[in-house]
């Protein structure tokens, strides 16, 4: 099982003073976090894409390129690229360039995104939410097959053999499909034979098993080998010196962002009791001391029929400067060895 971290480059107020850090300072700390993850042997680091004041990740390929220059082995991916609102040609060129800079460590997780700010920003209609994604995914995958594609669609001018360069260092740039809870998205990933990254940000891991089974069944019917149908999960996660310390570090930032987004969507304000339940044995938050997190993740993998990758969404933790690097160290040096040893036994 590959183990990594996803960050949305959240820029949160200090819980004690209410002041936000300078954006330049937050970006420097984010690159330190990627460097730490590489140093402690984690497998992958992902940067999300948002177009909101709470996040600094509107250009993930740029951040990942900066990280590539400071790291050696860790794979670098988007988490996710909002493909519906992007030009697939430009996305391919950016990540092919990242692949050259990183000497073959670039990947993409592409999805429709859970926020819609990118649509009006780039002059797109939210009523075309899924149609845009389906068409642009088709083009992105075609770009991976040939450097002179011939392609025609509804939302973008046709390509009549124009060259798309540079080409990546890897023979084929890995593309994962990021999904939430829509059955059609799971089935689409299976039909295309793409590795699946499931965003599980609430509820329980077990409730996603029917959807993961749907993905595997769709992939099998389409003729894809079982080993090609990889499953990854993206989950809220944080590792501390103790279960309580991890929860105390993560809760303020999580509550702040959840309240902000919830206000827009008509949700009630989250409570510490709800948070503790999600971080408990039955919830889908991977938050606690290394042994707690490792054991819970292994149970989650079993409940989903086996997973090949997990990425911890840590960037809503408060006191990030002090706590994040230590959490990454605990994940890489204490939790990850437990998880990997258990997988070797299996």
C-alpha atoms as a PDB file:
ATOM      1  CA  UNK A   1       0.000   0.000   0.000  1.00  0.00           C
ATOM      2  CA  UNK A   2       1.324   3.436  -0.971  1.00  0.00           C
ATOM      3  CA  UNK A   3       1.008   6.040   1.787  1.00  0.00           C
ATOM      4  CA  UNK A   4       0.997   9.773   1.248  1.00  0.00           C
ATOM      5  CA  UNK A   5      -0.410  13.184   1.987  1.00  0.00           C
ATOM      6  CA  UNK A   6      -2.749  15.568   0.199  1.00  0.00           C
ATOM      7  CA  UNK A   7      -2.694  19.293   0.861  1.00  0.00           C
ATOM      8  CA  UNK A   8      -5.066  22.043  -0.196  1.00  0.00           C
ATOM      9  CA  UNK A   9      -2.527  24.675   0.900  1.00  0.00           C
ATOM     10  CA  UNK A  10      -5.118  25.946   3.367  1.00  0.00           C
ATOM     11  CA  UNK A  11      -4.332  29.324   4.856  1.00  0.00           C
ATOM     12  CA  UNK A  12      -6.043  29.365   8.250  1.00  0.00           C
ATOM     13  CA  UNK A  13      -6.196  31.876  11.095  1.00  0.00           C
ATOM     14  CA  UNK A  14      -4.164  31.208  14.210  1.00  0.00           C
ATOM     15  CA  UNK A  15      -6.669  29.851  16.764  1.00  0.00           C
ATOM     16  CA  UNK A  16      -5.164  32.016  19.501  1.00  0.00           C
ATOM     17  CA  UNK A  17      -4.924  35.360  17.673  1.00  0.00           C
ATOM     18  CA  UNK A  18      -7.301  34.981  14.730  1.00  0.00           C
ATOM     19  CA  UNK A  19      -4.619  36.319  12.383  1.00  0.00           C
ATOM     20  CA  UNK A  20      -3.786  34.672   9.066  1.00  0.00           C
ATOM     21  CA  UNK A  21      -0.172  33.929   8.158  1.00  0.00           C
ATOM     22  CA  UNK A  22       1.330  35.661   5.157  1.00  0.00           C
ATOM     23  CA  UNK A  23       0.699  33.724   1.953  1.00  0.00           C
ATOM     24  CA  UNK A  24       4.405  33.655   1.120  1.00  0.00           C
ATOM     25  CA  UNK A  25       5.116  32.157   4.546  1.00  0.00           C
ATOM     26  CA  UNK A  26       2.415  29.511   4.176  1.00  0.00           C
ATOM     27  CA  UNK A  27       3.754  28.487   0.773  1.00  0.00           C
ATOM     28  CA  UNK A  28       7.259  28.113   2.165  1.00  0.00           C
ATOM     29  CA  UNK A  29       5.944  25.892   4.938  1.00  0.00           C
ATOM     30  CA  UNK A  30       4.038  23.773   2.426  1.00  0.00           C
ATOM     31  CA  UNK A  31       7.225  23.077   0.477  1.00  0.00           C
ATOM     32  CA  UNK A  32       8.927  22.172   3.756  1.00  0.00           C
ATOM     33  CA  UNK A  33       6.119  19.663   4.358  1.00  0.00           C
ATOM     34  CA  UNK A  34       6.676  18.002   0.976  1.00  0.00           C
ATOM     35  CA  UNK A  35      10.404  17.841   1.645  1.00  0.00           C
ATOM     36  CA  UNK A  36       9.746  16.247   5.045  1.00  0.00           C
ATOM     37  CA  UNK A  37       7.415  13.664   3.497  1.00  0.00           C
ATOM     38  CA  UNK A  38      10.127  12.735   1.016  1.00  0.00           C
ATOM     39  CA  UNK A  39      12.757  12.487   3.753  1.00  0.00           C
ATOM     40  CA  UNK A  40      10.707  10.090   5.913  1.00  0.00           C
ATOM     41  CA  UNK A  41       9.939   7.767   3.006  1.00  0.00           C
ATOM     42  CA  UNK A  42       6.309   8.510   2.164  1.00  0.00           C
ATOM     43  CA  UNK A  43       5.252   7.491  -1.328  1.00  0.00           C
ATOM     44  CA  UNK A  44       3.193  10.376  -2.681  1.00  0.00           C
ATOM     45  CA  UNK A  45       2.285  14.013  -2.053  1.00  0.00           C
ATOM     46  CA  UNK A  46      -0.755  15.597  -3.694  1.00  0.00           C
ATOM     47  CA  UNK A  47      -1.753  19.243  -4.115  1.00  0.00           C
ATOM     48  CA  UNK A  48      -5.411  20.097  -4.633  1.00  0.00           C
ATOM     49  CA  UNK A  49      -6.936  22.758  -6.843  1.00  0.00           C
ATOM     50  CA  UNK A  50      -9.255  25.446  -5.525  1.00  0.00           C
ATOM     51  CA  UNK A  51     -10.086  28.987  -6.529  1.00  0.00           C
ATOM     52  CA  UNK A  52     -11.049  30.332  -3.115  1.00  0.00           C
ATOM     53  CA  UNK A  53      -9.554  32.700  -0.553  1.00  0.00           C
ATOM     54  CA  UNK A  54      -9.038  29.883   1.989  1.00  0.00           C
ATOM     55  CA  UNK A  55      -6.551  28.034  -0.245  1.00  0.00           C
ATOM     56  CA  UNK A  56      -3.353  28.822  -2.167  1.00  0.00           C
ATOM     57  CA  UNK A  57      -3.526  25.896  -4.605  1.00  0.00           C
ATOM     58  CA  UNK A  58      -5.095  27.365  -7.749  1.00  0.00           C
ATOM     59  CA  UNK A  59      -1.962  26.333  -9.725  1.00  0.00           C
ATOM     60  CA  UNK A  60      -0.986  22.905  -8.358  1.00  0.00           C
ATOM     61  CA  UNK A  61       1.501  22.061 -11.116  1.00  0.00           C
ATOM     62  CA  UNK A  62       3.555  25.135 -10.192  1.00  0.00           C
ATOM     63  CA  UNK A  63       3.693  24.128  -6.525  1.00  0.00           C
ATOM     64  CA  UNK A  64       4.555  20.546  -7.442  1.00  0.00           C
ATOM     65  CA  UNK A  65       7.349  21.706  -9.746  1.00  0.00           C
ATOM     66  CA  UNK A  66       8.869  23.689  -6.878  1.00  0.00           C
ATOM     67  CA  UNK A  67       8.556  20.583  -4.699  1.00  0.00           C
ATOM     68  CA  UNK A  68      10.163  18.425  -7.395  1.00  0.00           C
ATOM     69  CA  UNK A  69      13.325  20.490  -7.219  1.00  0.00           C
ATOM     70  CA  UNK A  70      13.584  19.847  -3.465  1.00  0.00           C
ATOM     71  CA  UNK A  71      12.767  16.123  -3.348  1.00  0.00           C
ATOM     72  CA  UNK A  72      14.253  12.854  -4.580  1.00  0.00           C
ATOM     73  CA  UNK A  73      11.824   9.928  -4.606  1.00  0.00           C
ATOM     74  CA  UNK A  74       8.306  10.944  -3.583  1.00  0.00           C
ATOM     75  CA  UNK A  75       5.688  10.896  -6.343  1.00  0.00           C
ATOM     76  CA  UNK A  76       3.969  14.223  -6.999  1.00  0.00           C
ATOM     77  CA  UNK A  77       0.332  14.467  -8.004  1.00  0.00           C
ATOM     78  CA  UNK A  78      -2.654  16.755  -8.230  1.00  0.00           C
ATOM     79  CA  UNK A  79      -5.478  16.094  -5.786  1.00  0.00           C
ATOM     80  CA  UNK A  80      -7.544  16.803  -7.830  1.00  0.00           C
ATOM     81  CA  UNK A  81      -7.105  18.648 -11.110  1.00  0.00           C
ATOM     82  CA  UNK A  82     -10.514  20.216 -11.816  1.00  0.00           C
ATOM     83  CA  UNK A  83     -10.496  18.988 -15.396  1.00  0.00           C
ATOM     84  CA  UNK A  84     -14.007  20.244 -16.207  1.00  0.00           C
ATOM     85  CA  UNK A  85     -12.755  23.839 -15.953  1.00  0.00           C
ATOM     86  CA  UNK A  86      -9.361  23.341 -17.620  1.00  0.00           C
ATOM     87  CA  UNK A  87      -7.940  22.899 -21.097  1.00  0.00           C
ATOM     88  CA  UNK A  88      -6.710  19.280 -21.245  1.00  0.00           C
ATOM     89  CA  UNK A  89      -3.905  20.229 -23.632  1.00  0.00           C
ATOM     90  CA  UNK A  90      -2.528  22.761 -21.171  1.00  0.00           C
ATOM     91  CA  UNK A  91      -2.961  20.372 -18.250  1.00  0.00           C
ATOM     92  CA  UNK A  92      -1.067  17.659 -20.123  1.00  0.00           C
ATOM     93  CA  UNK A  93       1.752  20.050 -21.000  1.00  0.00           C
ATOM     94  CA  UNK A  94       2.054  21.265 -17.397  1.00  0.00           C
ATOM     95  CA  UNK A  95       2.238  17.770 -15.941  1.00  0.00           C
ATOM     96  CA  UNK A  96       4.516  16.485 -18.698  1.00  0.00           C
ATOM     97  CA  UNK A  97       6.855  19.360 -17.796  1.00  0.00           C
ATOM     98  CA  UNK A  98       6.546  18.436 -14.114  1.00  0.00           C
ATOM     99  CA  UNK A  99       7.428  14.866 -15.070  1.00  0.00           C
ATOM    100  CA  UNK A 100      10.616  16.062 -16.747  1.00  0.00           C
ATOM    101  CA  UNK A 101      11.591  18.228 -13.773  1.00  0.00           C
ATOM    102  CA  UNK A 102      10.919  15.378 -11.322  1.00  0.00           C
ATOM    103  CA  UNK A 103      12.547  12.736 -13.572  1.00  0.00           C
ATOM    104  CA  UNK A 104       9.406  10.633 -13.876  1.00  0.00           C
ATOM    105  CA  UNK A 105       7.558  11.229 -10.592  1.00  0.00           C
ATOM    106  CA  UNK A 106       4.491  13.129 -11.840  1.00  0.00           C
ATOM    107  CA  UNK A 107       0.901  11.907 -11.728  1.00  0.00           C
ATOM    108  CA  UNK A 108      -2.570  13.396 -12.010  1.00  0.00           C
ATOM    109  CA  UNK A 109      -5.778  12.762 -10.127  1.00  0.00           C
ATOM    110  CA  UNK A 110      -8.525  14.339 -12.232  1.00  0.00           C
ATOM    111  CA  UNK A 111     -12.071  15.038 -11.150  1.00  0.00           C
ATOM    112  CA  UNK A 112     -15.039  17.350 -11.427  1.00  0.00           C
ATOM    113  CA  UNK A 113     -14.293  19.111  -8.138  1.00  0.00           C
ATOM    114  CA  UNK A 114     -16.585  19.698  -5.181  1.00  0.00           C
ATOM    115  CA  UNK A 115     -16.546  23.517  -5.541  1.00  0.00           C
ATOM    116  CA  UNK A 116     -17.884  25.425  -8.548  1.00  0.00           C
ATOM    117  CA  UNK A 117     -15.902  28.701  -8.385  1.00  0.00           C
ATOM    118  CA  UNK A 118     -13.792  27.679 -11.383  1.00  0.00           C
ATOM    119  CA  UNK A 119     -16.806  27.582 -13.694  1.00  0.00           C
ATOM    120  CA  UNK A 120     -17.737  31.291 -13.701  1.00  0.00           C
ATOM    121  CA  UNK A 121     -14.063  32.204 -13.379  1.00  0.00           C
ATOM    122  CA  UNK A 122     -13.287  30.552 -16.712  1.00  0.00           C
ATOM    123  CA  UNK A 123     -16.596  31.346 -18.408  1.00  0.00           C
ATOM    124  CA  UNK A 124     -18.166  27.889 -18.117  1.00  0.00           C
ATOM    125  CA  UNK A 125     -21.742  26.860 -17.386  1.00  0.00           C
ATOM    126  CA  UNK A 126     -22.322  24.648 -14.324  1.00  0.00           C
ATOM    127  CA  UNK A 127     -25.193  23.003 -16.200  1.00  0.00           C
ATOM    128  CA  UNK A 128     -22.492  21.321 -18.302  1.00  0.00           C
ATOM    129  CA  UNK A 129     -20.775  20.009 -15.151  1.00  0.00           C
ATOM    130  CA  UNK A 130     -20.565  16.346 -16.163  1.00  0.00           C
ATOM    131  CA  UNK A 131     -20.536  16.744 -19.944  1.00  0.00           C
ATOM    132  CA  UNK A 132     -17.486  18.995 -19.699  1.00  0.00           C
ATOM    133  CA  UNK A 133     -15.653  16.476 -17.588  1.00  0.00           C
ATOM    134  CA  UNK A 134     -16.467  13.470 -19.777  1.00  0.00           C
ATOM    135  CA  UNK A 135     -15.313  15.226 -22.935  1.00  0.00           C
ATOM    136  CA  UNK A 136     -12.159  16.678 -21.443  1.00  0.00           C
ATOM    137  CA  UNK A 137     -11.196  13.366 -19.858  1.00  0.00           C
ATOM    138  CA  UNK A 138     -11.524  11.755 -23.283  1.00  0.00           C
ATOM    139  CA  UNK A 139      -9.129  14.319 -24.746  1.00  0.00           C
ATOM    140  CA  UNK A 140      -6.659  14.068 -21.859  1.00  0.00           C
ATOM    141  CA  UNK A 141      -6.441  10.300 -22.257  1.00  0.00           C
ATOM    142  CA  UNK A 142      -5.996  10.687 -26.022  1.00  0.00           C
ATOM    143  CA  UNK A 143      -3.065  13.039 -25.403  1.00  0.00           C
ATOM    144  CA  UNK A 144      -1.355  10.299 -23.441  1.00  0.00           C
ATOM    145  CA  UNK A 145      -1.495   8.003 -26.461  1.00  0.00           C
ATOM    146  CA  UNK A 146      -0.152  10.243 -29.215  1.00  0.00           C
ATOM    147  CA  UNK A 147       1.727  13.514 -29.623  1.00  0.00           C
ATOM    148  CA  UNK A 148      -0.276  14.495 -32.743  1.00  0.00           C
ATOM    149  CA  UNK A 149      -3.888  13.816 -31.726  1.00  0.00           C
ATOM    150  CA  UNK A 150      -6.880  14.025 -34.007  1.00  0.00           C
ATOM    151  CA  UNK A 151      -9.857  14.828 -31.816  1.00  0.00           C
ATOM    152  CA  UNK A 152     -13.182  16.610 -32.000  1.00  0.00           C
ATOM    153  CA  UNK A 153     -15.605  17.624 -29.265  1.00  0.00           C
ATOM    154  CA  UNK A 154     -18.327  20.034 -28.265  1.00  0.00           C
ATOM    155  CA  UNK A 155     -16.621  22.392 -25.832  1.00  0.00           C
ATOM    156  CA  UNK A 156     -13.152  22.840 -27.320  1.00  0.00           C
ATOM    157  CA  UNK A 157     -11.846  23.497 -30.830  1.00  0.00           C
ATOM    158  CA  UNK A 158     -10.922  20.314 -32.657  1.00  0.00           C
ATOM    159  CA  UNK A 159      -7.365  19.040 -32.953  1.00  0.00           C
ATOM    160  CA  UNK A 160      -6.309  18.016 -36.450  1.00  0.00           C
ATOM    161  CA  UNK A 161      -2.905  16.569 -35.754  1.00  0.00           C
ATOM    162  CA  UNK A 162      -1.215  19.545 -34.120  1.00  0.00           C
ATOM    163  CA  UNK A 163       1.746  18.526 -31.977  1.00  0.00           C
ATOM    164  CA  UNK A 164       1.382  18.522 -28.196  1.00  0.00           C
ATOM    165  CA  UNK A 165       4.733  18.887 -26.452  1.00  0.00           C
ATOM    166  CA  UNK A 166       6.716  18.268 -24.337  1.00  0.00           C
ATOM    167  CA  UNK A 167       6.186  14.570 -23.809  1.00  0.00           C
ATOM    168  CA  UNK A 168       6.625  13.183 -20.282  1.00  0.00           C
ATOM    169  CA  UNK A 169       9.666  11.283 -19.072  1.00  0.00           C
ATOM    170  CA  UNK A 170       7.482   8.299 -18.179  1.00  0.00           C
ATOM    171  CA  UNK A 171       6.222   6.186 -21.053  1.00  0.00           C
ATOM    172  CA  UNK A 172       2.719   7.084 -19.945  1.00  0.00           C
ATOM    173  CA  UNK A 173       1.712   9.798 -17.491  1.00  0.00           C
ATOM    174  CA  UNK A 174      -0.400   8.135 -14.761  1.00  0.00           C
ATOM    175  CA  UNK A 175      -3.963   9.446 -14.519  1.00  0.00           C
ATOM    176  CA  UNK A 176      -6.209   8.523 -11.577  1.00  0.00           C
ATOM    177  CA  UNK A 177      -9.913   9.316 -11.514  1.00  0.00           C
ATOM    178  CA  UNK A 178     -11.014  11.170  -8.384  1.00  0.00           C
ATOM    179  CA  UNK A 179     -14.567  10.400  -7.282  1.00  0.00           C
ATOM    180  CA  UNK A 180     -16.973  11.247  -4.471  1.00  0.00           C
ATOM    181  CA  UNK A 181     -20.164   9.271  -4.029  1.00  0.00           C
ATOM    182  CA  UNK A 182     -21.706   9.154  -7.503  1.00  0.00           C
ATOM    183  CA  UNK A 183     -22.156   5.607  -8.836  1.00  0.00           C
ATOM    184  CA  UNK A 184     -21.727   6.790 -12.429  1.00  0.00           C
ATOM    185  CA  UNK A 185     -18.258   8.099 -11.604  1.00  0.00           C
ATOM    186  CA  UNK A 186     -17.161   4.768 -10.127  1.00  0.00           C
ATOM    187  CA  UNK A 187     -18.518   2.895 -13.130  1.00  0.00           C
ATOM    188  CA  UNK A 188     -16.828   5.293 -15.554  1.00  0.00           C
ATOM    189  CA  UNK A 189     -13.436   4.713 -13.921  1.00  0.00           C
ATOM    190  CA  UNK A 190     -13.941   0.966 -14.196  1.00  0.00           C
ATOM    191  CA  UNK A 191     -14.954   1.058 -17.851  1.00  0.00           C
ATOM    192  CA  UNK A 192     -11.903   3.174 -18.673  1.00  0.00           C
ATOM    193  CA  UNK A 193      -9.607   0.996 -16.570  1.00  0.00           C
ATOM    194  CA  UNK A 194      -8.297   3.997 -14.637  1.00  0.00           C
ATOM    195  CA  UNK A 195      -7.059   3.772 -11.055  1.00  0.00           C
ATOM    196  CA  UNK A 196      -9.645   5.131  -8.639  1.00  0.00           C
ATOM    197  CA  UNK A 197      -9.126   7.719  -5.888  1.00  0.00           C
ATOM    198  CA  UNK A 198     -12.125   7.882  -3.548  1.00  0.00           C
ATOM    199  CA  UNK A 199     -12.621  11.018  -1.437  1.00  0.00           C
ATOM    200  CA  UNK A 200     -13.989   9.804   1.905  1.00  0.00           C
ATOM    201  CA  UNK A 201     -14.441  12.883   4.065  1.00  0.00           C
ATOM    202  CA  UNK A 202     -17.254  11.672   6.318  1.00  0.00           C
ATOM    203  CA  UNK A 203     -19.425   8.744   7.295  1.00  0.00           C
ATOM    204  CA  UNK A 204     -17.739   5.346   7.359  1.00  0.00           C
ATOM    205  CA  UNK A 205     -15.385   3.511   5.057  1.00  0.00           C
ATOM    206  CA  UNK A 206     -17.750   0.532   4.821  1.00  0.00           C
ATOM    207  CA  UNK A 207     -20.490   2.518   3.091  1.00  0.00           C
ATOM    208  CA  UNK A 208     -18.245   2.912   0.031  1.00  0.00           C
ATOM    209  CA  UNK A 209     -17.801  -0.840  -0.474  1.00  0.00           C
ATOM    210  CA  UNK A 210     -20.777  -1.199  -2.885  1.00  0.00           C
ATOM    211  CA  UNK A 211     -19.394   1.637  -5.011  1.00  0.00           C
ATOM    212  CA  UNK A 212     -15.882   0.168  -5.043  1.00  0.00           C
ATOM    213  CA  UNK A 213     -17.397  -3.193  -6.009  1.00  0.00           C
ATOM    214  CA  UNK A 214     -19.258  -1.413  -8.826  1.00  0.00           C
ATOM    215  CA  UNK A 215     -15.932  -0.016 -10.069  1.00  0.00           C
ATOM    216  CA  UNK A 216     -14.283  -3.423 -10.040  1.00  0.00           C
ATOM    217  CA  UNK A 217     -17.244  -5.106 -11.726  1.00  0.00           C
ATOM    218  CA  UNK A 218     -17.404  -2.432 -14.455  1.00  0.00           C
ATOM    219  CA  UNK A 219     -13.671  -2.801 -15.027  1.00  0.00           C
ATOM    220  CA  UNK A 220     -13.894  -6.574 -15.279  1.00  0.00           C
ATOM    221  CA  UNK A 221     -16.769  -6.386 -17.750  1.00  0.00           C
ATOM    222  CA  UNK A 222     -14.723  -3.962 -19.860  1.00  0.00           C
ATOM    223  CA  UNK A 223     -11.898  -6.506 -19.967  1.00  0.00           C
ATOM    224  CA  UNK A 224      -9.406  -4.829 -17.636  1.00  0.00           C
ATOM    225  CA  UNK A 225      -7.114  -7.008 -15.526  1.00  0.00           C
ATOM    226  CA  UNK A 226      -7.754  -6.888 -11.755  1.00  0.00           C
ATOM    227  CA  UNK A 227      -4.272  -5.538 -11.080  1.00  0.00           C
ATOM    228  CA  UNK A 228      -5.028  -2.524 -13.303  1.00  0.00           C
ATOM    229  CA  UNK A 229      -8.028  -1.574 -11.166  1.00  0.00           C
ATOM    230  CA  UNK A 230      -6.234   0.145  -8.311  1.00  0.00           C
ATOM    231  CA  UNK A 231      -8.202   1.710  -5.466  1.00  0.00           C
ATOM    232  CA  UNK A 232      -6.975   4.613  -3.385  1.00  0.00           C
ATOM    233  CA  UNK A 233      -8.670   6.593  -0.638  1.00  0.00           C
ATOM    234  CA  UNK A 234      -8.282  10.242   0.297  1.00  0.00           C
ATOM    235  CA  UNK A 235      -9.317  10.750   3.924  1.00  0.00           C
ATOM    236  CA  UNK A 236      -9.039  13.301   6.679  1.00  0.00           C
ATOM    237  CA  UNK A 237      -5.972  12.260   8.643  1.00  0.00           C
ATOM    238  CA  UNK A 238      -3.467  13.464  11.186  1.00  0.00           C
ATOM    239  CA  UNK A 239      -0.935  11.670  13.390  1.00  0.00           C
ATOM    240  CA  UNK A 240      -0.014  12.932  16.845  1.00  0.00           C
ATOM    241  CA  UNK A 241       1.870  11.798  19.913  1.00  0.00           C
ATOM    242  CA  UNK A 242      -1.447  10.593  21.355  1.00  0.00           C
ATOM    243  CA  UNK A 243      -5.008  10.218  20.127  1.00  0.00           C
ATOM    244  CA  UNK A 244      -6.109  13.283  22.081  1.00  0.00           C
ATOM    245  CA  UNK A 245      -3.169  15.413  20.942  1.00  0.00           C
ATOM    246  CA  UNK A 246      -3.906  14.562  17.302  1.00  0.00           C
ATOM    247  CA  UNK A 247      -7.581  15.454  17.685  1.00  0.00           C
ATOM    248  CA  UNK A 248      -6.817  18.685  19.500  1.00  0.00           C
ATOM    249  CA  UNK A 249      -4.377  19.730  16.760  1.00  0.00           C
ATOM    250  CA  UNK A 250      -6.719  18.928  13.885  1.00  0.00           C
ATOM    251  CA  UNK A 251     -10.113  20.027  15.190  1.00  0.00           C
ATOM    252  CA  UNK A 252      -9.840  23.856  15.168  1.00  0.00           C
ATOM    253  CA  UNK A 253      -8.811  24.119  11.532  1.00  0.00           C
ATOM    254  CA  UNK A 254     -11.275  21.454  10.430  1.00  0.00           C
ATOM    255  CA  UNK A 255     -14.084  23.193  12.294  1.00  0.00           C
ATOM    256  CA  UNK A 256     -13.147  26.565  10.789  1.00  0.00           C
ATOM    257  CA  UNK A 257     -13.192  25.335   7.198  1.00  0.00           C
ATOM    258  CA  UNK A 258     -16.236  23.111   7.674  1.00  0.00           C
ATOM    259  CA  UNK A 259     -18.151  26.028   9.174  1.00  0.00           C
ATOM    260  CA  UNK A 260     -17.106  28.341   6.329  1.00  0.00           C
ATOM    261  CA  UNK A 261     -18.140  25.902   3.610  1.00  0.00           C
ATOM    262  CA  UNK A 262     -21.201  24.752   5.539  1.00  0.00           C
ATOM    263  CA  UNK A 263     -22.490  28.310   5.810  1.00  0.00           C
ATOM    264  CA  UNK A 264     -22.532  28.476   2.009  1.00  0.00           C
ATOM    265  CA  UNK A 265     -24.278  25.122   1.681  1.00  0.00           C
ATOM    266  CA  UNK A 266     -26.785  25.394   4.493  1.00  0.00           C
ATOM    267  CA  UNK A 267     -25.106  22.951   6.872  1.00  0.00           C
ATOM    268  CA  UNK A 268     -25.296  23.279  10.626  1.00  0.00           C
ATOM    269  CA  UNK A 269     -22.071  24.206  12.407  1.00  0.00           C
ATOM    270  CA  UNK A 270     -19.957  21.150  13.304  1.00  0.00           C
ATOM    271  CA  UNK A 271     -19.425  20.185  16.931  1.00  0.00           C
ATOM    272  CA  UNK A 272     -16.492  18.620  18.754  1.00  0.00           C
ATOM    273  CA  UNK A 273     -18.748  15.666  19.596  1.00  0.00           C
ATOM    274  CA  UNK A 274     -19.393  15.019  15.889  1.00  0.00           C
ATOM    275  CA  UNK A 275     -15.687  15.342  15.162  1.00  0.00           C
ATOM    276  CA  UNK A 276     -14.699  12.921  17.925  1.00  0.00           C
ATOM    277  CA  UNK A 277     -17.204  10.393  16.587  1.00  0.00           C
ATOM    278  CA  UNK A 278     -15.634  10.647  13.118  1.00  0.00           C
ATOM    279  CA  UNK A 279     -12.185  10.186  14.656  1.00  0.00           C
ATOM    280  CA  UNK A 280     -13.414   7.221  16.709  1.00  0.00           C
ATOM    281  CA  UNK A 281     -13.364   3.541  15.740  1.00  0.00           C
ATOM    282  CA  UNK A 282     -16.429   3.726  13.463  1.00  0.00           C
ATOM    283  CA  UNK A 283     -15.726   7.032  11.721  1.00  0.00           C
ATOM    284  CA  UNK A 284     -13.753   7.745   8.566  1.00  0.00           C
ATOM    285  CA  UNK A 285     -11.156  10.126  10.034  1.00  0.00           C
ATOM    286  CA  UNK A 286      -7.647   8.655  10.348  1.00  0.00           C
ATOM    287  CA  UNK A 287      -6.669  10.763  13.345  1.00  0.00           C
ATOM    288  CA  UNK A 288      -4.692   9.561  16.360  1.00  0.00           C
ATOM    289  CA  UNK A 289      -1.372   8.180  17.486  1.00  0.00           C
ATOM    290  CA  UNK A 290       0.595   6.055  14.977  1.00  0.00           C
ATOM    291  CA  UNK A 291      -0.720   2.669  16.148  1.00  0.00           C
ATOM    292  CA  UNK A 292      -4.334   3.885  16.202  1.00  0.00           C
ATOM    293  CA  UNK A 293      -4.066   5.287  12.699  1.00  0.00           C
ATOM    294  CA  UNK A 294      -2.295   2.227  11.287  1.00  0.00           C
ATOM    295  CA  UNK A 295      -4.798  -0.238  12.719  1.00  0.00           C
ATOM    296  CA  UNK A 296      -7.780   1.802  11.575  1.00  0.00           C
ATOM    297  CA  UNK A 297      -6.367   2.124   8.067  1.00  0.00           C
ATOM    298  CA  UNK A 298      -5.768  -1.620   7.820  1.00  0.00           C
ATOM    299  CA  UNK A 299      -9.380  -2.221   8.870  1.00  0.00           C
ATOM    300  CA  UNK A 300     -10.558   0.284   6.258  1.00  0.00           C
ATOM    301  CA  UNK A 301      -8.576  -1.508   3.569  1.00  0.00           C
ATOM    302  CA  UNK A 302     -10.123  -4.820   4.526  1.00  0.00           C
ATOM    303  CA  UNK A 303     -13.624  -3.361   4.506  1.00  0.00           C
ATOM    304  CA  UNK A 304     -13.077  -2.044   0.963  1.00  0.00           C
ATOM    305  CA  UNK A 305     -11.654  -5.293  -0.372  1.00  0.00           C
ATOM    306  CA  UNK A 306      -8.091  -3.998  -0.390  1.00  0.00           C
ATOM    307  CA  UNK A 307      -6.666  -0.600  -1.282  1.00  0.00           C
ATOM    308  CA  UNK A 308      -3.431   0.261  -3.034  1.00  0.00           C
ATOM    309  CA  UNK A 309      -2.988   3.881  -1.901  1.00  0.00           C
ATOM    310  CA  UNK A 310      -4.067   6.166   0.924  1.00  0.00           C
ATOM    311  CA  UNK A 311      -3.508   9.896   1.115  1.00  0.00           C
ATOM    312  CA  UNK A 312      -4.030  11.807   4.348  1.00  0.00           C
ATOM    313  CA  UNK A 313      -5.738  15.189   4.026  1.00  0.00           C
ATOM    314  CA  UNK A 314      -3.804  16.999   6.742  1.00  0.00           C
ATOM    315  CA  UNK A 315      -3.908  20.597   5.609  1.00  0.00           C
ATOM    316  CA  UNK A 316      -6.867  21.647   7.745  1.00  0.00           C
ATOM    317  CA  UNK A 317      -4.802  21.071  10.898  1.00  0.00           C
ATOM    318  CA  UNK A 318      -4.248  24.128  13.041  1.00  0.00           C
ATOM    319  CA  UNK A 319      -0.787  25.267  14.107  1.00  0.00           C
ATOM    320  CA  UNK A 320       0.476  23.801  10.843  1.00  0.00           C
ATOM    321  CA  UNK A 321       3.973  25.200  11.085  1.00  0.00           C
ATOM    322  CA  UNK A 322       4.694  23.364  14.317  1.00  0.00           C
ATOM    323  CA  UNK A 323       2.433  20.328  14.083  1.00  0.00           C
ATOM    324  CA  UNK A 324       2.399  19.372  10.422  1.00  0.00           C
ATOM    325  CA  UNK A 325       6.047  18.369  10.042  1.00  0.00           C
ATOM    326  CA  UNK A 326       5.907  16.304  13.222  1.00  0.00           C
ATOM    327  CA  UNK A 327       2.728  14.617  12.056  1.00  0.00           C
ATOM    328  CA  UNK A 328       4.359  13.791   8.726  1.00  0.00           C
ATOM    329  CA  UNK A 329       7.345  12.341  10.572  1.00  0.00           C
ATOM    330  CA  UNK A 330       5.101  10.189  12.769  1.00  0.00           C
ATOM    331  CA  UNK A 331       3.188   8.976   9.724  1.00  0.00           C
ATOM    332  CA  UNK A 332       6.309   8.095   7.773  1.00  0.00           C
ATOM    333  CA  UNK A 333       8.492   6.736  10.564  1.00  0.00           C
ATOM    334  CA  UNK A 334       6.002   5.063  12.925  1.00  0.00           C
ATOM    335  CA  UNK A 335       2.577   4.486  11.316  1.00  0.00           C
ATOM    336  CA  UNK A 336       3.766   3.541   7.809  1.00  0.00           C
ATOM    337  CA  UNK A 337       6.087   0.712   8.978  1.00  0.00           C
ATOM    338  CA  UNK A 338       3.165  -0.911  10.847  1.00  0.00           C
ATOM    339  CA  UNK A 339       0.977  -0.716   7.744  1.00  0.00           C
ATOM    340  CA  UNK A 340       3.674  -2.013   5.402  1.00  0.00           C
ATOM    341  CA  UNK A 341       4.611  -4.885   7.712  1.00  0.00           C
ATOM    342  CA  UNK A 342       0.962  -5.987   7.884  1.00  0.00           C
ATOM    343  CA  UNK A 343       0.693  -5.888   4.092  1.00  0.00           C
ATOM    344  CA  UNK A 344       3.835  -7.996   3.733  1.00  0.00           C
ATOM    345  CA  UNK A 345       2.305 -10.667   5.970  1.00  0.00           C
ATOM    346  CA  UNK A 346      -0.800 -10.743   3.803  1.00  0.00           C
END
